[in-house]
C-alpha atoms as a PDB file:
ATOM      1  CA  MET A   1       0.062   0.028   0.043  1.00  0.00           C
ATOM      2  CA  LYS A   2       1.903   3.150  -1.249  1.00  0.00           C
ATOM      3  CA  ASN A   3       0.214   5.446   1.032  1.00  0.00           C
ATOM      4  CA  LYS A   4       0.677   3.432   4.249  1.00  0.00           C
ATOM      5  CA  PRO A   5       2.798   6.036   5.931  1.00  0.00           C
ATOM      6  CA  MET A   6      -0.129   8.727   5.444  1.00  0.00           C
ATOM      7  CA  PHE A   7      -2.554   6.358   7.043  1.00  0.00           C
ATOM      8  CA  ASP A   8      -0.126   5.788   9.856  1.00  0.00           C
ATOM      9  CA  ILE A   9       0.371   9.568  10.595  1.00  0.00           C
ATOM     10  CA  ALA A  10      -3.302  10.112  10.180  1.00  0.00           C
ATOM     11  CA  GLU A  11      -3.829   7.314  12.866  1.00  0.00           C
ATOM     12  CA  LYS A  12      -1.316   8.944  15.231  1.00  0.00           C
ATOM     13  CA  TRP A  13      -3.025  12.347  14.706  1.00  0.00           C
ATOM     14  CA  LEU A  14      -6.558  11.041  15.260  1.00  0.00           C
ATOM     15  CA  ARG A  15      -5.317   9.139  18.434  1.00  0.00           C
ATOM     16  CA  GLY A  16      -3.942  12.423  19.830  1.00  0.00           C
ATOM     17  CA  LYS A  17      -7.379  13.973  19.458  1.00  0.00           C
ATOM     18  CA  GLY A  18      -9.114  11.180  21.388  1.00  0.00           C
ATOM     19  CA  TYR A  19     -10.327   8.992  18.443  1.00  0.00           C
ATOM     20  CA  ASP A  20      -9.929   5.244  18.470  1.00  0.00           C
ATOM     21  CA  PRO A  21      -9.289   4.975  14.673  1.00  0.00           C
ATOM     22  CA  VAL A  22      -9.661   1.839  12.495  1.00  0.00           C
ATOM     23  CA  ASN A  23      -6.606   2.087  10.093  1.00  0.00           C
ATOM     24  CA  PRO A  24      -6.955  -0.089   7.027  1.00  0.00           C
ATOM     25  CA  ALA A  25      -3.175  -0.060   6.333  1.00  0.00           C
ATOM     26  CA  ALA A  26      -2.563  -1.567  10.027  1.00  0.00           C
ATOM     27  CA  LYS A  27      -3.746  -4.851   9.000  1.00  0.00           C
ATOM     28  CA  PRO A  28      -1.402  -7.687   9.210  1.00  0.00           C
ATOM     29  CA  ASP A  29      -1.576  -8.520   5.528  1.00  0.00           C
ATOM     30  CA  GLU A  30       1.258  -9.226   3.018  1.00  0.00           C
ATOM     31  CA  ILE A  31      -0.523  -7.487   0.354  1.00  0.00           C
ATOM     32  CA  LEU A  32       0.042  -4.105   2.037  1.00  0.00           C
ATOM     33  CA  ASP A  33       3.770  -4.387   1.153  1.00  0.00           C
ATOM     34  CA  ARG A  34       3.185  -5.148  -2.525  1.00  0.00           C
ATOM     35  CA  GLU A  35       0.965  -4.435  -5.323  1.00  0.00           C
ATOM     36  CA  ALA A  36      -2.081  -6.480  -4.844  1.00  0.00           C
ATOM     37  CA  THR A  37      -3.830  -8.756  -7.519  1.00  0.00           C
ATOM     38  CA  ARG A  38      -7.530  -7.861  -8.431  1.00  0.00           C
ATOM     39  CA  LYS A  39      -8.668 -10.656  -6.270  1.00  0.00           C
ATOM     40  CA  GLU A  40      -6.518  -9.844  -3.333  1.00  0.00           C
ATOM     41  CA  TYR A  41      -7.801  -6.241  -3.574  1.00  0.00           C
ATOM     42  CA  LEU A  42     -11.412  -7.201  -3.581  1.00  0.00           C
ATOM     43  CA  LYS A  43     -11.053  -9.404  -0.662  1.00  0.00           C
ATOM     44  CA  PHE A  44      -9.225  -6.549   1.392  1.00  0.00           C
ATOM     45  CA  MET A  45     -12.018  -3.998   0.322  1.00  0.00           C
ATOM     46  CA  ARG A  46     -14.591  -6.460   1.444  1.00  0.00           C
ATOM     47  CA  GLN A  47     -12.823  -6.803   4.960  1.00  0.00           C
ATOM     48  CA  ASP A  48     -12.614  -2.870   4.862  1.00  0.00           C
ATOM     49  CA  VAL A  49     -16.326  -2.249   4.151  1.00  0.00           C
ATOM     50  CA  TYR A  50     -17.064  -4.983   6.853  1.00  0.00           C
ATOM     51  CA  GLU A  51     -15.083  -3.195   9.546  1.00  0.00           C
ATOM     52  CA  MET A  52     -16.519   0.027   8.539  1.00  0.00           C
ATOM     53  CA  LEU A  53     -20.041  -1.158   9.057  1.00  0.00           C
ATOM     54  CA  TYR A  54     -20.161  -3.958  11.754  1.00  0.00           C
ATOM     55  CA  HIS A  55     -16.685  -4.137  13.668  1.00  0.00           C
ATOM     56  CA  LYS A  56     -17.370  -2.929  17.256  1.00  0.00           C
ATOM     57  CA  GLY A  57     -20.822  -1.766  15.897  1.00  0.00           C
ATOM     58  CA  GLY A  58     -19.405   0.095  13.019  1.00  0.00           C
ATOM     59  CA  VAL A  59     -17.789   3.532  12.690  1.00  0.00           C
ATOM     60  CA  ASP A  60     -19.175   6.661  14.258  1.00  0.00           C
ATOM     61  CA  GLU A  61     -17.583   8.783  11.483  1.00  0.00           C
ATOM     62  CA  ILE A  62     -14.949   8.346   8.708  1.00  0.00           C
ATOM     63  CA  TRP A  63     -11.818  10.673   8.067  1.00  0.00           C
ATOM     64  CA  PHE A  64     -10.292  10.874   4.591  1.00  0.00           C
ATOM     65  CA  LEU A  65      -6.735  11.345   3.496  1.00  0.00           C
ATOM     66  CA  PRO A  66      -5.839  14.340   1.376  1.00  0.00           C
ATOM     67  CA  ASP A  67      -6.553  13.408  -2.398  1.00  0.00           C
ATOM     68  CA  TRP A  68      -8.853  10.638  -1.134  1.00  0.00           C
ATOM     69  CA  GLN A  69     -10.894  11.312  -4.528  1.00  0.00           C
ATOM     70  CA  ASN A  70      -7.927   9.503  -6.453  1.00  0.00           C
ATOM     71  CA  GLY A  71      -8.465   6.111  -4.612  1.00  0.00           C
ATOM     72  CA  ALA A  72     -11.040   3.634  -5.684  1.00  0.00           C
ATOM     73  CA  GLY A  73     -11.466   2.370  -2.146  1.00  0.00           C
ATOM     74  CA  SER A  74     -11.713   5.653  -0.539  1.00  0.00           C
ATOM     75  CA  ALA A  75     -14.570   6.523  -3.157  1.00  0.00           C
ATOM     76  CA  LEU A  76     -16.305   3.439  -2.347  1.00  0.00           C
ATOM     77  CA  GLU A  77     -16.068   4.337   1.394  1.00  0.00           C
ATOM     78  CA  SER A  78     -17.367   7.597   0.866  1.00  0.00           C
ATOM     79  CA  ARG A  79     -20.476   6.441  -1.048  1.00  0.00           C
ATOM     80  CA  ILE A  80     -21.072   3.904   1.683  1.00  0.00           C
ATOM     81  CA  ALA A  81     -20.563   6.815   4.155  1.00  0.00           C
ATOM     82  CA  HIS A  82     -23.127   8.943   2.475  1.00  0.00           C
ATOM     83  CA  PHE A  83     -25.679   6.304   2.178  1.00  0.00           C
ATOM     84  CA  PHE A  84     -25.564   5.146   5.733  1.00  0.00           C
ATOM     85  CA  ASP A  85     -25.297   8.873   7.069  1.00  0.00           C
ATOM     86  CA  ILE A  86     -21.855   8.266   8.466  1.00  0.00           C
ATOM     87  CA  PRO A  87     -20.292  11.756   9.064  1.00  0.00           C
ATOM     88  CA  ALA A  88     -17.154  12.390   6.714  1.00  0.00           C
ATOM     89  CA  HIS A  89     -14.392  14.392   7.720  1.00  0.00           C
ATOM     90  CA  TYR A  90     -11.159  15.412   6.084  1.00  0.00           C
ATOM     91  CA  ILE A  91      -7.516  15.002   7.530  1.00  0.00           C
ATOM     92  CA  PRO A  92      -5.700  18.521   6.933  1.00  0.00           C
ATOM     93  CA  LYS A  93      -2.654  18.380   4.679  1.00  0.00           C
ATOM     94  CA  GLU A  94      -0.598  20.274   7.170  1.00  0.00           C
ATOM     95  CA  ILE A  95      -0.140  17.257   9.412  1.00  0.00           C
ATOM     96  CA  PHE A  96       1.908  15.421   6.930  1.00  0.00           C
ATOM     97  CA  GLN A  97       3.984  18.468   6.089  1.00  0.00           C
ATOM     98  CA  TYR A  98       4.825  18.910   9.717  1.00  0.00           C
ATOM     99  CA  GLU A  99       5.235  15.021  10.432  1.00  0.00           C
ATOM    100  CA  THR A 100       7.571  14.500   7.549  1.00  0.00           C
ATOM    101  CA  GLN A 101       9.736  17.680   8.507  1.00  0.00           C
ATOM    102  CA  SER A 102      10.030  16.466  12.146  1.00  0.00           C
ATOM    103  CA  ARG A 103      11.575  13.131  11.092  1.00  0.00           C
END
């Protein structure tokens, strides 16, 4: 997963704000470290949607990374969130600039 570092930074930022985020990039799955086949990707997305709707009662809200519109998975999550009236929020780009500068 090419944007795993961004997911990790966002998770850290959300935890700092008191949230208990579900980070799809934190799954112990070998496909995160390489380009997934279509079949693997669909399996991954099924699990992602399941967690979004049902894990621990489902998510209360969803937070999107900058440029989320460019990802098929996040576009699907956006449609699901809209359909189920799950509030959507957007991670500010600035947290990624600050995090990468402080390393």
